[in-house]
Amino acid sequence: MYTVNIYEAKTHLSSLLEKVAHGEEVVIGKAGKPIAKLIPFKKTTKTRKPGYWKGKVIIHEDFDTLPPEVLAAFKGEHE
């Protein structure tokens, strides 16, 4: 792991990104305390499967039915 301060990170960003591209992690610190970490980007190779939640989620017919007083409040109708 390679540690740099903010000024060095701004000045040498290209070379730091080269290190990251080769698998190294770079920690950026401020006043000696770590505040960020540059790590290699990993593209997810897992594909989504359509219908995964089928049969696992139930939406009732009245899911969007509101009590009259709540509906009136949304419409700006106050009693």
PDB file of N, CA and C in Angstrom:
ATOM      1  N   MET A   1       0.855  -1.173   0.000  1.00  0.00           N
ATOM      2  CA  MET A   1       0.000   0.000   0.000  1.00  0.00           C
ATOM      3  C   MET A   1       0.898   1.233   0.000  1.00  0.00           C
ATOM      4  N   TYR A   2       0.534   2.187  -0.801  1.00  0.00           N
ATOM      5  CA  TYR A   2       1.302   3.407  -0.986  1.00  0.00           C
ATOM      6  C   TYR A   2       0.499   4.557  -0.400  1.00  0.00           C
ATOM      7  N   THR A   3       1.111   5.422   0.422  1.00  0.00           N
ATOM      8  CA  THR A   3       0.411   6.527   1.061  1.00  0.00           C
ATOM      9  C   THR A   3       0.985   7.862   0.602  1.00  0.00           C
ATOM     10  N   VAL A   4       0.109   8.796   0.254  1.00  0.00           N
ATOM     11  CA  VAL A   4       0.524  10.129  -0.184  1.00  0.00           C
ATOM     12  C   VAL A   4      -0.379  11.180   0.457  1.00  0.00           C
ATOM     13  N   ASN A   5       0.101  12.441   0.469  1.00  0.00           N
ATOM     14  CA  ASN A   5      -0.753  13.518   0.954  1.00  0.00           C
ATOM     15  C   ASN A   5      -1.524  14.108  -0.231  1.00  0.00           C
ATOM     16  N   ILE A   6      -2.453  14.988   0.045  1.00  0.00           N
ATOM     17  CA  ILE A   6      -3.318  15.531  -1.002  1.00  0.00           C
ATOM     18  C   ILE A   6      -2.516  16.247  -2.076  1.00  0.00           C
ATOM     19  N   TYR A   7      -1.540  17.058  -1.679  1.00  0.00           N
ATOM     20  CA  TYR A   7      -0.743  17.799  -2.656  1.00  0.00           C
ATOM     21  C   TYR A   7      -0.026  16.844  -3.604  1.00  0.00           C
ATOM     22  N   GLU A   8       0.594  15.817  -3.047  1.00  0.00           N
ATOM     23  CA  GLU A   8       1.299  14.832  -3.874  1.00  0.00           C
ATOM     24  C   GLU A   8       0.324  14.085  -4.782  1.00  0.00           C
ATOM     25  N   ALA A   9      -0.854  13.797  -4.266  1.00  0.00           N
ATOM     26  CA  ALA A   9      -1.855  13.100  -5.070  1.00  0.00           C
ATOM     27  C   ALA A   9      -2.281  13.955  -6.261  1.00  0.00           C
ATOM     28  N   LYS A  10      -2.496  15.268  -6.030  1.00  0.00           N
ATOM     29  CA  LYS A  10      -2.878  16.156  -7.130  1.00  0.00           C
ATOM     30  C   LYS A  10      -1.743  16.297  -8.136  1.00  0.00           C
ATOM     31  N   THR A  11      -0.522  16.400  -7.637  1.00  0.00           N
ATOM     32  CA  THR A  11       0.633  16.611  -8.507  1.00  0.00           C
ATOM     33  C   THR A  11       0.970  15.383  -9.323  1.00  0.00           C
ATOM     34  N   HIS A  12       0.813  14.202  -8.753  1.00  0.00           N
ATOM     35  CA  HIS A  12       1.254  12.961  -9.402  1.00  0.00           C
ATOM     36  C   HIS A  12       0.097  11.996  -9.665  1.00  0.00           C
ATOM     37  N   LEU A  13      -1.079  12.529  -9.953  1.00  0.00           N
ATOM     38  CA  LEU A  13      -2.246  11.672 -10.131  1.00  0.00           C
ATOM     39  C   LEU A  13      -2.030  10.611 -11.207  1.00  0.00           C
ATOM     40  N   SER A  14      -1.458  10.986 -12.329  1.00  0.00           N
ATOM     41  CA  SER A  14      -1.253  10.020 -13.416  1.00  0.00           C
ATOM     42  C   SER A  14      -0.393   8.847 -12.978  1.00  0.00           C
ATOM     43  N   SER A  15       0.710   9.126 -12.295  1.00  0.00           N
ATOM     44  CA  SER A  15       1.589   8.030 -11.867  1.00  0.00           C
ATOM     45  C   SER A  15       0.936   7.188 -10.773  1.00  0.00           C
ATOM     46  N   LEU A  16       0.126   7.821  -9.923  1.00  0.00           N
ATOM     47  CA  LEU A  16      -0.591   7.060  -8.892  1.00  0.00           C
ATOM     48  C   LEU A  16      -1.616   6.134  -9.534  1.00  0.00           C
ATOM     49  N   LEU A  17      -2.289   6.623 -10.582  1.00  0.00           N
ATOM     50  CA  LEU A  17      -3.258   5.782 -11.276  1.00  0.00           C
ATOM     51  C   LEU A  17      -2.578   4.612 -11.979  1.00  0.00           C
ATOM     52  N   GLU A  18      -1.355   4.811 -12.437  1.00  0.00           N
ATOM     53  CA  GLU A  18      -0.576   3.704 -13.023  1.00  0.00           C
ATOM     54  C   GLU A  18      -0.327   2.625 -11.974  1.00  0.00           C
ATOM     55  N   LYS A  19       0.046   3.053 -10.762  1.00  0.00           N
ATOM     56  CA  LYS A  19       0.277   2.099  -9.672  1.00  0.00           C
ATOM     57  C   LYS A  19      -1.012   1.311  -9.395  1.00  0.00           C
ATOM     58  N   VAL A  20      -2.123   2.032  -9.355  1.00  0.00           N
ATOM     59  CA  VAL A  20      -3.416   1.392  -9.090  1.00  0.00           C
ATOM     60  C   VAL A  20      -3.760   0.416 -10.210  1.00  0.00           C
ATOM     61  N   ALA A  21      -3.488   0.818 -11.452  1.00  0.00           N
ATOM     62  CA  ALA A  21      -3.784  -0.049 -12.600  1.00  0.00           C
ATOM     63  C   ALA A  21      -2.990  -1.348 -12.534  1.00  0.00           C
ATOM     64  N   HIS A  22      -1.869  -1.330 -11.848  1.00  0.00           N
ATOM     65  CA  HIS A  22      -1.045  -2.531 -11.702  1.00  0.00           C
ATOM     66  C   HIS A  22      -1.338  -3.273 -10.401  1.00  0.00           C
ATOM     67  N   GLY A  23      -2.472  -2.921  -9.757  1.00  0.00           N
ATOM     68  CA  GLY A  23      -2.920  -3.684  -8.595  1.00  0.00           C
ATOM     69  C   GLY A  23      -2.565  -3.116  -7.242  1.00  0.00           C
ATOM     70  N   GLU A  24      -1.820  -2.030  -7.204  1.00  0.00           N
ATOM     71  CA  GLU A  24      -1.431  -1.455  -5.913  1.00  0.00           C
ATOM     72  C   GLU A  24      -2.534  -0.532  -5.397  1.00  0.00           C
ATOM     73  N   GLU A  25      -2.691  -0.459  -4.092  1.00  0.00           N
ATOM     74  CA  GLU A  25      -3.642   0.457  -3.481  1.00  0.00           C
ATOM     75  C   GLU A  25      -2.916   1.707  -3.033  1.00  0.00           C
ATOM     76  N   VAL A  26      -3.551   2.867  -3.211  1.00  0.00           N
ATOM     77  CA  VAL A  26      -2.950   4.137  -2.828  1.00  0.00           C
ATOM     78  C   VAL A  26      -3.884   4.820  -1.836  1.00  0.00           C
ATOM     79  N   VAL A  27      -3.326   5.199  -0.687  1.00  0.00           N
ATOM     80  CA  VAL A  27      -4.092   5.898   0.337  1.00  0.00           C
ATOM     81  C   VAL A  27      -3.719   7.372   0.278  1.00  0.00           C
ATOM     82  N   ILE A  28      -4.743   8.223   0.258  1.00  0.00           N
ATOM     83  CA  ILE A  28      -4.523   9.665   0.261  1.00  0.00           C
ATOM     84  C   ILE A  28      -4.868  10.174   1.648  1.00  0.00           C
ATOM     85  N   GLY A  29      -3.938  10.932   2.226  1.00  0.00           N
ATOM     86  CA  GLY A  29      -4.141  11.413   3.580  1.00  0.00           C
ATOM     87  C   GLY A  29      -4.109  12.918   3.674  1.00  0.00           C
ATOM     88  N   LYS A  30      -4.661  13.422   4.780  1.00  0.00           N
ATOM     89  CA  LYS A  30      -4.653  14.849   5.079  1.00  0.00           C
ATOM     90  C   LYS A  30      -4.225  15.000   6.520  1.00  0.00           C
ATOM     91  N   ALA A  31      -3.171  15.760   6.726  1.00  0.00           N
ATOM     92  CA  ALA A  31      -2.620  15.968   8.067  1.00  0.00           C
ATOM     93  C   ALA A  31      -2.266  14.638   8.725  1.00  0.00           C
ATOM     94  N   GLY A  32      -1.761  13.712   7.924  1.00  0.00           N
ATOM     95  CA  GLY A  32      -1.310  12.431   8.449  1.00  0.00           C
ATOM     96  C   GLY A  32      -2.413  11.410   8.689  1.00  0.00           C
ATOM     97  N   LYS A  33      -3.643  11.769   8.375  1.00  0.00           N
ATOM     98  CA  LYS A  33      -4.755  10.842   8.582  1.00  0.00           C
ATOM     99  C   LYS A  33      -5.315  10.417   7.225  1.00  0.00           C
ATOM    100  N   PRO A  34      -5.529   9.122   7.024  1.00  0.00           N
ATOM    101  CA  PRO A  34      -6.077   8.657   5.750  1.00  0.00           C
ATOM    102  C   PRO A  34      -7.512   9.147   5.545  1.00  0.00           C
ATOM    103  N   ILE A  35      -7.809   9.632   4.315  1.00  0.00           N
ATOM    104  CA  ILE A  35      -9.169  10.091   4.027  1.00  0.00           C
ATOM    105  C   ILE A  35      -9.767   9.416   2.795  1.00  0.00           C
ATOM    106  N   ALA A  36      -8.924   8.809   1.958  1.00  0.00           N
ATOM    107  CA  ALA A  36      -9.448   8.152   0.759  1.00  0.00           C
ATOM    108  C   ALA A  36      -8.496   7.052   0.326  1.00  0.00           C
ATOM    109  N   LYS A  37      -9.028   6.099  -0.441  1.00  0.00           N
ATOM    110  CA  LYS A  37      -8.202   5.013  -0.953  1.00  0.00           C
ATOM    111  C   LYS A  37      -8.512   4.821  -2.436  1.00  0.00           C
ATOM    112  N   LEU A  38      -7.468   4.795  -3.258  1.00  0.00           N
ATOM    113  CA  LEU A  38      -7.612   4.474  -4.671  1.00  0.00           C
ATOM    114  C   LEU A  38      -7.347   2.986  -4.816  1.00  0.00           C
ATOM    115  N   ILE A  39      -8.297   2.288  -5.413  1.00  0.00           N
ATOM    116  CA  ILE A  39      -8.148   0.852  -5.625  1.00  0.00           C
ATOM    117  C   ILE A  39      -8.479   0.534  -7.070  1.00  0.00           C
ATOM    118  N   PRO A  40      -7.979  -0.583  -7.577  1.00  0.00           N
ATOM    119  CA  PRO A  40      -8.292  -0.947  -8.966  1.00  0.00           C
ATOM    120  C   PRO A  40      -9.787  -1.167  -9.151  1.00  0.00           C
ATOM    121  N   PHE A  41     -10.296  -0.729 -10.295  1.00  0.00           N
ATOM    122  CA  PHE A  41     -11.705  -0.925 -10.631  1.00  0.00           C
ATOM    123  C   PHE A  41     -11.893  -2.355 -11.108  1.00  0.00           C
ATOM    124  N   LYS A  42     -12.878  -3.017 -10.527  1.00  0.00           N
ATOM    125  CA  LYS A  42     -13.168  -4.390 -10.935  1.00  0.00           C
ATOM    126  C   LYS A  42     -14.541  -4.413 -11.589  1.00  0.00           C
ATOM    127  N   LYS A  43     -14.566  -4.749 -12.858  1.00  0.00           N
ATOM    128  CA  LYS A  43     -15.828  -4.830 -13.571  1.00  0.00           C
ATOM    129  C   LYS A  43     -16.565  -6.083 -13.107  1.00  0.00           C
ATOM    130  N   THR A  44     -17.836  -5.897 -12.768  1.00  0.00           N
ATOM    131  CA  THR A  44     -18.619  -7.053 -12.341  1.00  0.00           C
ATOM    132  C   THR A  44     -18.958  -7.901 -13.560  1.00  0.00           C
ATOM    133  N   THR A  45     -18.720  -9.166 -13.420  1.00  0.00           N
ATOM    134  CA  THR A  45     -18.980 -10.073 -14.529  1.00  0.00           C
ATOM    135  C   THR A  45     -20.290 -10.833 -14.342  1.00  0.00           C
ATOM    136  N   LYS A  46     -20.897 -10.660 -13.191  1.00  0.00           N
ATOM    137  CA  LYS A  46     -22.148 -11.352 -12.906  1.00  0.00           C
ATOM    138  C   LYS A  46     -23.279 -10.672 -13.666  1.00  0.00           C
ATOM    139  N   THR A  47     -24.004 -11.433 -14.433  1.00  0.00           N
ATOM    140  CA  THR A  47     -25.121 -10.879 -15.181  1.00  0.00           C
ATOM    141  C   THR A  47     -26.404 -11.013 -14.377  1.00  0.00           C
ATOM    142  N   ARG A  48     -27.310 -10.077 -14.621  1.00  0.00           N
ATOM    143  CA  ARG A  48     -28.592 -10.113 -13.931  1.00  0.00           C
ATOM    144  C   ARG A  48     -29.490 -11.155 -14.564  1.00  0.00           C
ATOM    145  N   LYS A  49     -30.252 -11.803 -13.723  1.00  0.00           N
ATOM    146  CA  LYS A  49     -31.178 -12.825 -14.199  1.00  0.00           C
ATOM    147  C   LYS A  49     -32.600 -12.288 -14.092  1.00  0.00           C
ATOM    148  N   PRO A  50     -33.280 -12.045 -15.213  1.00  0.00           N
ATOM    149  CA  PRO A  50     -34.650 -11.539 -15.156  1.00  0.00           C
ATOM    150  C   PRO A  50     -35.566 -12.514 -14.407  1.00  0.00           C
ATOM    151  N   GLY A  51     -36.478 -11.954 -13.629  1.00  0.00           N
ATOM    152  CA  GLY A  51     -37.452 -12.768 -12.914  1.00  0.00           C
ATOM    153  C   GLY A  51     -36.943 -13.339 -11.605  1.00  0.00           C
ATOM    154  N   TYR A  52     -35.797 -12.875 -11.120  1.00  0.00           N
ATOM    155  CA  TYR A  52     -35.215 -13.419  -9.896  1.00  0.00           C
ATOM    156  C   TYR A  52     -36.157 -13.269  -8.695  1.00  0.00           C
ATOM    157  N   TRP A  53     -36.874 -12.151  -8.620  1.00  0.00           N
ATOM    158  CA  TRP A  53     -37.759 -11.904  -7.478  1.00  0.00           C
ATOM    159  C   TRP A  53     -39.175 -12.442  -7.692  1.00  0.00           C
ATOM    160  N   LYS A  54     -39.430 -13.075  -8.824  1.00  0.00           N
ATOM    161  CA  LYS A  54     -40.770 -13.580  -9.103  1.00  0.00           C
ATOM    162  C   LYS A  54     -41.202 -14.575  -8.013  1.00  0.00           C
ATOM    163  N   GLY A  55     -42.387 -14.331  -7.470  1.00  0.00           N
ATOM    164  CA  GLY A  55     -42.905 -15.197  -6.420  1.00  0.00           C
ATOM    165  C   GLY A  55     -42.377 -14.875  -5.032  1.00  0.00           C
ATOM    166  N   LYS A  56     -41.425 -13.952  -4.932  1.00  0.00           N
ATOM    167  CA  LYS A  56     -40.852 -13.589  -3.631  1.00  0.00           C
ATOM    168  C   LYS A  56     -41.420 -12.279  -3.101  1.00  0.00           C
ATOM    169  N   VAL A  57     -42.017 -11.491  -3.982  1.00  0.00           N
ATOM    170  CA  VAL A  57     -42.576 -10.198  -3.597  1.00  0.00           C
ATOM    171  C   VAL A  57     -44.064 -10.201  -3.909  1.00  0.00           C
ATOM    172  N   ILE A  58     -44.858  -9.774  -2.942  1.00  0.00           N
ATOM    173  CA  ILE A  58     -46.293  -9.720  -3.126  1.00  0.00           C
ATOM    174  C   ILE A  58     -46.739  -8.259  -2.996  1.00  0.00           C
ATOM    175  N   ILE A  59     -47.411  -7.748  -4.000  1.00  0.00           N
ATOM    176  CA  ILE A  59     -47.956  -6.397  -3.956  1.00  0.00           C
ATOM    177  C   ILE A  59     -49.475  -6.528  -3.930  1.00  0.00           C
ATOM    178  N   HIS A  60     -50.054  -6.139  -2.821  1.00  0.00           N
ATOM    179  CA  HIS A  60     -51.500  -6.244  -2.662  1.00  0.00           C
ATOM    180  C   HIS A  60     -52.213  -5.201  -3.517  1.00  0.00           C
ATOM    181  N   GLU A  61     -53.434  -5.494  -3.905  1.00  0.00           N
ATOM    182  CA  GLU A  61     -54.204  -4.599  -4.767  1.00  0.00           C
ATOM    183  C   GLU A  61     -54.416  -3.226  -4.142  1.00  0.00           C
ATOM    184  N   ASP A  62     -54.475  -3.154  -2.817  1.00  0.00           N
ATOM    185  CA  ASP A  62     -54.733  -1.878  -2.146  1.00  0.00           C
ATOM    186  C   ASP A  62     -53.454  -1.222  -1.613  1.00  0.00           C
ATOM    187  N   PHE A  63     -52.298  -1.551  -2.178  1.00  0.00           N
ATOM    188  CA  PHE A  63     -51.039  -1.041  -1.636  1.00  0.00           C
ATOM    189  C   PHE A  63     -50.948   0.485  -1.697  1.00  0.00           C
ATOM    190  N   ASP A  64     -51.653   1.109  -2.621  1.00  0.00           N
ATOM    191  CA  ASP A  64     -51.577   2.562  -2.737  1.00  0.00           C
ATOM    192  C   ASP A  64     -52.848   3.270  -2.250  1.00  0.00           C
ATOM    193  N   THR A  65     -53.680   2.563  -1.511  1.00  0.00           N
ATOM    194  CA  THR A  65     -54.895   3.153  -0.957  1.00  0.00           C
ATOM    195  C   THR A  65     -54.547   3.894   0.326  1.00  0.00           C
ATOM    196  N   LEU A  66     -54.983   5.150   0.398  1.00  0.00           N
ATOM    197  CA  LEU A  66     -54.688   5.961   1.576  1.00  0.00           C
ATOM    198  C   LEU A  66     -55.962   6.227   2.361  1.00  0.00           C
ATOM    199  N   PRO A  67     -55.837   6.366   3.683  1.00  0.00           N
ATOM    200  CA  PRO A  67     -56.995   6.784   4.475  1.00  0.00           C
ATOM    201  C   PRO A  67     -57.434   8.182   4.007  1.00  0.00           C
ATOM    202  N   PRO A  68     -58.726   8.487   4.079  1.00  0.00           N
ATOM    203  CA  PRO A  68     -59.242   9.770   3.578  1.00  0.00           C
ATOM    204  C   PRO A  68     -58.526  10.997   4.147  1.00  0.00           C
ATOM    205  N   GLU A  69     -58.190  10.973   5.439  1.00  0.00           N
ATOM    206  CA  GLU A  69     -57.537  12.143   6.054  1.00  0.00           C
ATOM    207  C   GLU A  69     -56.117  12.355   5.510  1.00  0.00           C
ATOM    208  N   VAL A  70     -55.421  11.283   5.192  1.00  0.00           N
ATOM    209  CA  VAL A  70     -54.078  11.397   4.616  1.00  0.00           C
ATOM    210  C   VAL A  70     -54.177  11.899   3.178  1.00  0.00           C
ATOM    211  N   LEU A  71     -55.123  11.376   2.424  1.00  0.00           N
ATOM    212  CA  LEU A  71     -55.338  11.816   1.053  1.00  0.00           C
ATOM    213  C   LEU A  71     -55.692  13.299   1.023  1.00  0.00           C
ATOM    214  N   ALA A  72     -56.538  13.745   1.944  1.00  0.00           N
ATOM    215  CA  ALA A  72     -56.911  15.157   2.028  1.00  0.00           C
ATOM    216  C   ALA A  72     -55.692  16.023   2.327  1.00  0.00           C
ATOM    217  N   ALA A  73     -54.800  15.547   3.196  1.00  0.00           N
ATOM    218  CA  ALA A  73     -53.590  16.308   3.530  1.00  0.00           C
ATOM    219  C   ALA A  73     -52.697  16.456   2.303  1.00  0.00           C
ATOM    220  N   PHE A  74     -52.583  15.407   1.488  1.00  0.00           N
ATOM    221  CA  PHE A  74     -51.781  15.484   0.268  1.00  0.00           C
ATOM    222  C   PHE A  74     -52.374  16.495  -0.726  1.00  0.00           C
ATOM    223  N   LYS A  75     -53.676  16.587  -0.726  1.00  0.00           N
ATOM    224  CA  LYS A  75     -54.341  17.520  -1.641  1.00  0.00           C
ATOM    225  C   LYS A  75     -54.383  18.943  -1.088  1.00  0.00           C
ATOM    226  N   GLY A  76     -53.925  19.130   0.149  1.00  0.00           N
ATOM    227  CA  GLY A  76     -53.926  20.452   0.760  1.00  0.00           C
ATOM    228  C   GLY A  76     -55.246  20.831   1.378  1.00  0.00           C
ATOM    229  N   GLU A  77     -56.080  19.859   1.586  1.00  0.00           N
ATOM    230  CA  GLU A  77     -57.395  20.082   2.189  1.00  0.00           C
ATOM    231  C   GLU A  77     -57.290  19.847   3.688  1.00  0.00           C
ATOM    232  N   HIS A  78     -57.327  20.918   4.447  1.00  0.00           N
ATOM    233  CA  HIS A  78     -57.205  20.790   5.910  1.00  0.00           C
ATOM    234  C   HIS A  78     -58.566  20.974   6.557  1.00  0.00           C
ATOM    235  N   GLU A  79     -58.766  20.287   7.638  1.00  0.00           N
ATOM    236  CA  GLU A  79     -60.034  20.395   8.375  1.00  0.00           C
ATOM    237  C   GLU A  79     -59.960  21.522   9.374  1.00  0.00           C
TER     238      GLU A  79
END
